């Protein structure tokens, strides 16, 4: 196995295009094909496959990508330390829009001001955050999942209750807590079908025989709350969300809290520092 084969594979895996990767590497496509074929032969396994017109990495290809990225990072760190006495390699954090907006703001500000390394942020949904850790793209991730993902170093970070957001003038705003039965006939602003919160809502409301009507299907807390403020409907959101003017929220005890996990690929150095800052500064109920 040669290091140049691994470098070629990283370029290909990040693009999943021989044309684009060859252009990035300033080599011909046949030369790139040869390097990746030799890497696959040395490992004794296929690293990608074709699905229709698209190329996708196999499980072995994703593991190879993670290893190659880590090897490249270690080499860059060694170069920095030998030349300057310390590493300037960035820490990569992956998380979703909601986590960045409502859970991680203080932690990001603190690390940016005082951290020992540059911080780079990747915006990914739940599966994308897990994939970024598995492929070596990110060092740390924050993700909302019912259970810790298999095969990744994960620790429970915070449980965020779910609340019903509504205009302050809405009749339900007079209640201190919302029972699911009170949502009968309500027009709800909900995520698209298949999203974790939508699945929770569908199951919970069905279990108590509540019929309801989707006012609009939309992804992302800010847009959901925007529509609440405009009177389009009511929305179940995380309690950590910043509420627009004129919108209030009440707890819904029957719904499970959203559990957020801190995922880690890398231990030591700036990654440990960032993890510590996230734990100390994450939003708490």
Protein backbone atom coordinates (compact mmCIF):
# COMPACT_ATOMS: atom_id res chain seq x y z
CA UNK A 1 0.00 0.00 0.00
CA UNK A 2 1.29 3.45 -0.96
CA UNK A 3 0.35 6.77 0.62
CA UNK A 4 -0.35 8.24 -2.80
CA UNK A 5 -3.07 5.60 -3.30
CA UNK A 6 -4.76 6.69 -0.07
CA UNK A 7 -4.53 10.34 -1.07
CA UNK A 8 -6.06 9.52 -4.43
CA UNK A 9 -8.84 7.59 -2.74
CA UNK A 10 -9.68 10.51 -0.42
CA UNK A 11 -10.01 12.82 -3.42
CA UNK A 12 -12.24 10.31 -5.19
CA UNK A 13 -14.37 9.50 -2.10
CA UNK A 14 -15.05 13.15 -1.37
CA UNK A 15 -16.26 13.73 -4.91
CA UNK A 16 -17.51 10.28 -5.92
CA UNK A 17 -16.47 11.30 -9.41
CA UNK A 18 -13.36 10.14 -11.21
CA UNK A 19 -13.52 13.18 -13.49
CA UNK A 20 -13.64 15.72 -10.65
CA UNK A 21 -11.11 13.88 -8.48
CA UNK A 22 -8.62 13.53 -11.32
CA UNK A 23 -8.96 17.24 -12.03
CA UNK A 24 -8.38 18.07 -8.35
CA UNK A 25 -5.27 15.88 -8.29
CA UNK A 26 -4.01 17.15 -11.66
CA UNK A 27 -3.68 13.63 -13.05
CA UNK A 28 -5.46 11.73 -15.78
CA UNK A 29 -8.56 9.64 -15.11
CA UNK A 30 -6.81 6.41 -16.17
CA UNK A 31 -4.02 7.14 -13.69
CA UNK A 32 -6.56 7.70 -10.92
CA UNK A 33 -8.38 4.47 -11.81
CA UNK A 34 -5.09 2.59 -11.56
CA UNK A 35 -4.23 4.02 -8.13
CA UNK A 36 -7.62 3.20 -6.64
CA UNK A 37 -7.63 -0.26 -8.22
CA UNK A 38 -4.22 -0.98 -6.71
CA UNK A 39 -5.43 0.21 -3.29
CA UNK A 40 -8.46 -2.08 -3.52
CA UNK A 41 -6.25 -5.00 -4.58
CA UNK A 42 -3.88 -4.41 -1.67
CA UNK A 43 -6.83 -4.44 0.75
CA UNK A 44 -8.54 -7.36 -0.95
CA UNK A 45 -11.96 -5.70 -1.13
CA UNK A 46 -14.11 -3.43 -3.27
CA UNK A 47 -14.10 0.18 -2.09
CA UNK A 48 -17.03 1.48 -4.13
CA UNK A 49 -19.88 0.22 -6.24
CA UNK A 50 -22.21 1.61 -8.85
CA UNK A 51 -25.88 2.19 -8.06
CA UNK A 52 -27.59 3.25 -11.25
CA UNK A 53 -25.55 6.15 -12.57
CA UNK A 54 -24.10 7.03 -9.15
CA UNK A 55 -20.99 5.73 -7.39
CA UNK A 56 -21.25 4.96 -3.65
CA UNK A 57 -18.68 3.78 -1.15
CA UNK A 58 -18.93 0.31 0.31
CA UNK A 59 -18.65 -0.18 4.08
CA UNK A 60 -14.99 -1.06 3.52
CA UNK A 61 -14.61 2.09 1.42
CA UNK A 62 -16.02 4.27 4.22
CA UNK A 63 -13.61 2.67 6.69
CA UNK A 64 -10.72 3.24 4.30
CA UNK A 65 -11.76 6.88 3.89
CA UNK A 66 -11.80 7.36 7.68
CA UNK A 67 -8.34 5.79 8.01
CA UNK A 68 -6.91 7.83 5.14
CA UNK A 69 -8.25 11.09 6.54
CA UNK A 70 -6.85 10.32 9.99
CA UNK A 71 -3.48 9.43 8.50
CA UNK A 72 -3.44 12.72 6.58
CA UNK A 73 -4.35 14.64 9.74
CA UNK A 74 -1.57 12.96 11.72
CA UNK A 75 0.95 13.74 9.01
CA UNK A 76 -0.12 17.40 8.96
CA UNK A 77 0.12 17.60 12.76
CA UNK A 78 3.60 16.08 12.70
CA UNK A 79 4.70 18.60 10.08
CA UNK A 80 3.35 21.49 12.19
CA UNK A 81 4.96 20.27 15.39
CA UNK A 82 8.36 19.71 13.76
CA UNK A 83 8.30 23.13 12.10
CA UNK A 84 6.69 25.31 14.79
CA UNK A 85 6.47 23.27 18.00
CA UNK A 86 2.65 23.07 17.95
CA UNK A 87 -0.17 21.99 15.67
CA UNK A 88 -2.49 24.41 13.89
CA UNK A 89 -4.79 21.74 12.46
CA UNK A 90 -8.50 22.60 12.89
CA UNK A 91 -11.06 20.76 14.98
CA UNK A 92 -14.07 19.71 12.90
CA UNK A 93 -17.53 19.77 14.54
CA UNK A 94 -20.67 18.46 12.81
CA UNK A 95 -24.20 19.29 13.97
CA UNK A 96 -27.60 20.30 12.67
CA UNK A 97 -29.05 23.78 12.29
CA UNK A 98 -31.13 23.52 15.47
CA UNK A 99 -28.17 22.39 17.59
CA UNK A 100 -26.04 25.28 16.33
CA UNK A 101 -28.79 27.84 16.86
CA UNK A 102 -30.05 26.81 20.29
CA UNK A 103 -27.66 24.39 22.03
CA UNK A 104 -24.09 25.18 21.01
CA UNK A 105 -23.89 28.96 20.64
CA UNK A 106 -22.05 29.63 23.90
CA UNK A 107 -19.71 26.68 23.40
CA UNK A 108 -18.76 27.83 19.90
CA UNK A 109 -18.13 31.40 21.07
CA UNK A 110 -16.03 30.20 24.01
CA UNK A 111 -13.87 27.85 21.94
CA UNK A 112 -13.45 30.39 19.15
CA UNK A 113 -12.21 32.98 21.67
CA UNK A 114 -10.04 30.73 23.86
CA UNK A 115 -9.46 27.45 22.04
CA UNK A 116 -6.03 26.21 21.10
CA UNK A 117 -6.94 25.35 17.50
CA UNK A 118 -9.10 26.72 14.68
CA UNK A 119 -12.71 25.50 14.67
CA UNK A 120 -14.49 24.42 11.51
CA UNK A 121 -18.21 23.72 11.50
CA UNK A 122 -20.07 21.26 9.29
CA UNK A 123 -23.85 21.61 9.01
CA UNK A 124 -25.35 18.14 8.79
CA UNK A 125 -28.66 16.49 9.67
CA UNK A 126 -28.72 13.52 12.05
CA UNK A 127 -27.66 10.80 9.59
CA UNK A 128 -25.19 13.22 8.00
CA UNK A 129 -23.56 13.94 11.36
CA UNK A 130 -23.14 10.23 12.06
CA UNK A 131 -21.74 9.71 8.57
CA UNK A 132 -19.26 12.58 9.07
CA UNK A 133 -17.89 10.80 12.15
CA UNK A 134 -17.82 7.40 10.46
CA UNK A 135 -15.99 8.72 7.40
CA UNK A 136 -13.43 10.75 9.34
CA UNK A 137 -14.79 14.07 8.07
CA UNK A 138 -15.55 15.35 11.60
CA UNK A 139 -13.80 14.89 14.95
CA UNK A 140 -16.89 15.64 17.07
CA UNK A 141 -20.62 15.70 16.44
CA UNK A 142 -23.78 16.70 18.27
CA UNK A 143 -26.92 14.88 17.18
CA UNK A 144 -30.43 14.13 18.40
CA UNK A 145 -31.16 10.41 18.33
CA UNK A 146 -33.28 8.08 20.51
CA UNK A 147 -30.21 5.89 21.14
CA UNK A 148 -26.47 6.15 20.68
CA UNK A 149 -25.35 5.11 17.17
CA UNK A 150 -23.54 1.79 17.04
CA UNK A 151 -19.80 1.78 16.56
CA UNK A 152 -19.22 5.43 17.54
CA UNK A 153 -17.92 6.81 20.82
CA UNK A 154 -21.03 8.58 22.19
CA UNK A 155 -22.01 10.20 25.47
CA UNK A 156 -25.38 11.57 26.51
CA UNK A 157 -25.20 15.37 26.37
CA UNK A 158 -28.65 16.74 27.25
CA UNK A 159 -32.34 15.81 27.14
CA UNK A 160 -34.46 18.64 25.72
CA UNK A 161 -38.21 18.60 26.52
CA UNK A 162 -40.75 19.12 23.77
CA UNK A 163 -43.19 22.02 24.05
CA UNK A 164 -46.22 23.30 22.18
CA UNK A 165 -45.55 26.69 20.58
CA UNK A 166 -48.58 28.88 19.92
CA UNK A 167 -49.62 32.53 19.64
CA UNK A 168 -49.94 34.14 23.07
CA UNK A 169 -53.63 34.79 22.40
CA UNK A 170 -54.43 31.12 21.73
CA UNK A 171 -56.84 29.52 24.26
CA UNK A 172 -54.32 26.78 25.12
CA UNK A 173 -51.85 29.45 26.22
CA UNK A 174 -53.81 29.76 29.48
CA UNK A 175 -52.84 26.20 30.44
CA UNK A 176 -49.62 25.45 32.33
CA UNK A 177 -49.15 22.12 30.52
CA UNK A 178 -50.70 20.58 27.45
CA UNK A 179 -52.36 17.18 27.34
CA UNK A 180 -52.36 15.41 23.99
CA UNK A 181 -56.15 15.27 23.99
CA UNK A 182 -56.20 19.08 23.87
CA UNK A 183 -54.72 18.90 20.35
CA UNK A 184 -57.81 17.22 18.89
CA UNK A 185 -58.74 19.02 15.69
CA UNK A 186 -55.70 21.29 15.87
CA UNK A 187 -53.86 22.49 12.78
CA UNK A 188 -50.25 21.55 13.41
CA UNK A 189 -47.07 22.72 11.73
CA UNK A 190 -45.06 19.52 11.45
CA UNK A 191 -41.87 18.14 9.88
CA UNK A 192 -42.23 16.05 6.70
CA UNK A 193 -43.26 12.42 7.06
CA UNK A 194 -40.40 10.17 8.09
CA UNK A 195 -38.58 12.75 10.20
CA UNK A 196 -38.02 11.62 13.81
CA UNK A 197 -40.28 14.26 15.40
CA UNK A 198 -43.07 13.57 12.91
CA UNK A 199 -42.87 9.86 13.71
CA UNK A 200 -43.09 10.61 17.45
CA UNK A 201 -46.09 12.92 16.95
CA UNK A 202 -47.94 10.54 14.65
CA UNK A 203 -47.54 7.67 17.12
CA UNK A 204 -48.36 9.69 20.25
CA UNK A 205 -51.50 11.30 18.85
CA UNK A 206 -52.70 8.06 17.32
CA UNK A 207 -52.25 6.26 20.65
CA UNK A 208 -54.75 8.60 22.37
CA UNK A 209 -57.16 8.70 19.42
CA UNK A 210 -56.53 12.35 18.54
CA UNK A 211 -57.31 13.45 15.02
CA UNK A 212 -55.47 16.48 13.71
CA UNK A 213 -54.72 18.29 10.49
CA UNK A 214 -51.29 19.30 9.15
CA UNK A 215 -51.32 23.03 8.49
CA UNK A 216 -47.97 22.85 6.70
CA UNK A 217 -45.05 20.45 6.51
CA UNK A 218 -41.70 22.15 6.97
CA UNK A 219 -38.22 21.32 8.25
CA UNK A 220 -36.32 23.43 10.77
CA UNK A 221 -37.39 25.11 14.01
CA UNK A 222 -37.00 28.75 12.82
CA UNK A 223 -39.41 28.34 9.91
CA UNK A 224 -41.88 26.35 12.02
CA UNK A 225 -41.90 29.13 14.63
CA UNK A 226 -42.21 31.76 11.90
CA UNK A 227 -45.43 30.10 10.75
CA UNK A 228 -46.69 29.88 14.34
CA UNK A 229 -46.16 33.63 14.71
CA UNK A 230 -48.08 34.18 11.48
CA UNK A 231 -51.03 32.24 12.84
CA UNK A 232 -50.74 29.33 10.41
CA UNK A 233 -50.97 26.72 13.17
CA UNK A 234 -49.39 25.28 16.32
CA UNK A 235 -46.05 23.47 16.47
CA UNK A 236 -44.25 21.00 18.71
CA UNK A 237 -40.67 22.22 19.08
CA UNK A 238 -37.68 21.78 21.38
CA UNK A 239 -37.84 23.76 24.61
CA UNK A 240 -34.44 25.31 23.82
CA UNK A 241 -35.79 27.20 20.80
CA UNK A 242 -35.85 30.99 20.93
CA UNK A 243 -39.48 32.05 20.58
CA UNK A 244 -40.49 34.94 18.31
CA UNK A 245 -42.34 37.88 19.82
CA UNK A 246 -45.96 37.03 20.47
CA UNK A 247 -45.32 33.26 20.68
CA UNK A 248 -45.44 31.29 23.93
CA UNK A 249 -44.67 27.65 24.71
CA UNK A 250 -46.13 25.15 27.15
CA UNK A 251 -44.69 21.72 28.08
CA UNK A 252 -46.24 18.54 26.69
CA UNK A 253 -45.31 15.93 29.33
CA UNK A 254 -46.66 12.99 27.35
CA UNK A 255 -44.04 13.45 24.63
CA UNK A 256 -40.50 12.13 25.14
CA UNK A 257 -37.63 14.58 25.41
CA UNK A 258 -35.22 14.91 22.48
CA UNK A 259 -31.94 13.30 23.52
CA UNK A 260 -28.76 14.86 22.20
CA UNK A 261 -25.49 12.94 22.03
CA UNK A 262 -21.91 14.11 21.85
CA UNK A 263 -20.15 11.90 19.30
CA UNK A 264 -16.37 11.60 19.16
CA UNK A 265 -13.90 10.19 16.69
CA UNK A 266 -10.80 11.79 18.08
CA UNK A 267 -9.48 12.02 21.65
CA UNK A 268 -6.69 14.21 22.91
CA UNK A 269 -5.58 17.77 22.24
CA UNK A 270 -8.03 20.34 20.93
CA UNK A 271 -10.78 17.75 20.43
CA UNK A 272 -10.82 17.08 24.18
CA UNK A 273 -10.80 20.81 24.82
CA UNK A 274 -13.81 21.38 22.57
CA UNK A 275 -15.70 18.45 24.10
CA UNK A 276 -15.13 19.87 27.60
CA UNK A 277 -16.36 23.30 26.52
CA UNK A 278 -19.46 21.82 24.89
CA UNK A 279 -20.35 19.92 28.08
CA UNK A 280 -19.90 23.03 30.22
CA UNK A 281 -21.79 25.44 27.94
CA UNK A 282 -24.55 23.43 26.29
CA UNK A 283 -28.11 24.66 26.85
CA UNK A 284 -29.77 23.05 29.87
CA UNK A 285 -33.49 22.85 30.69
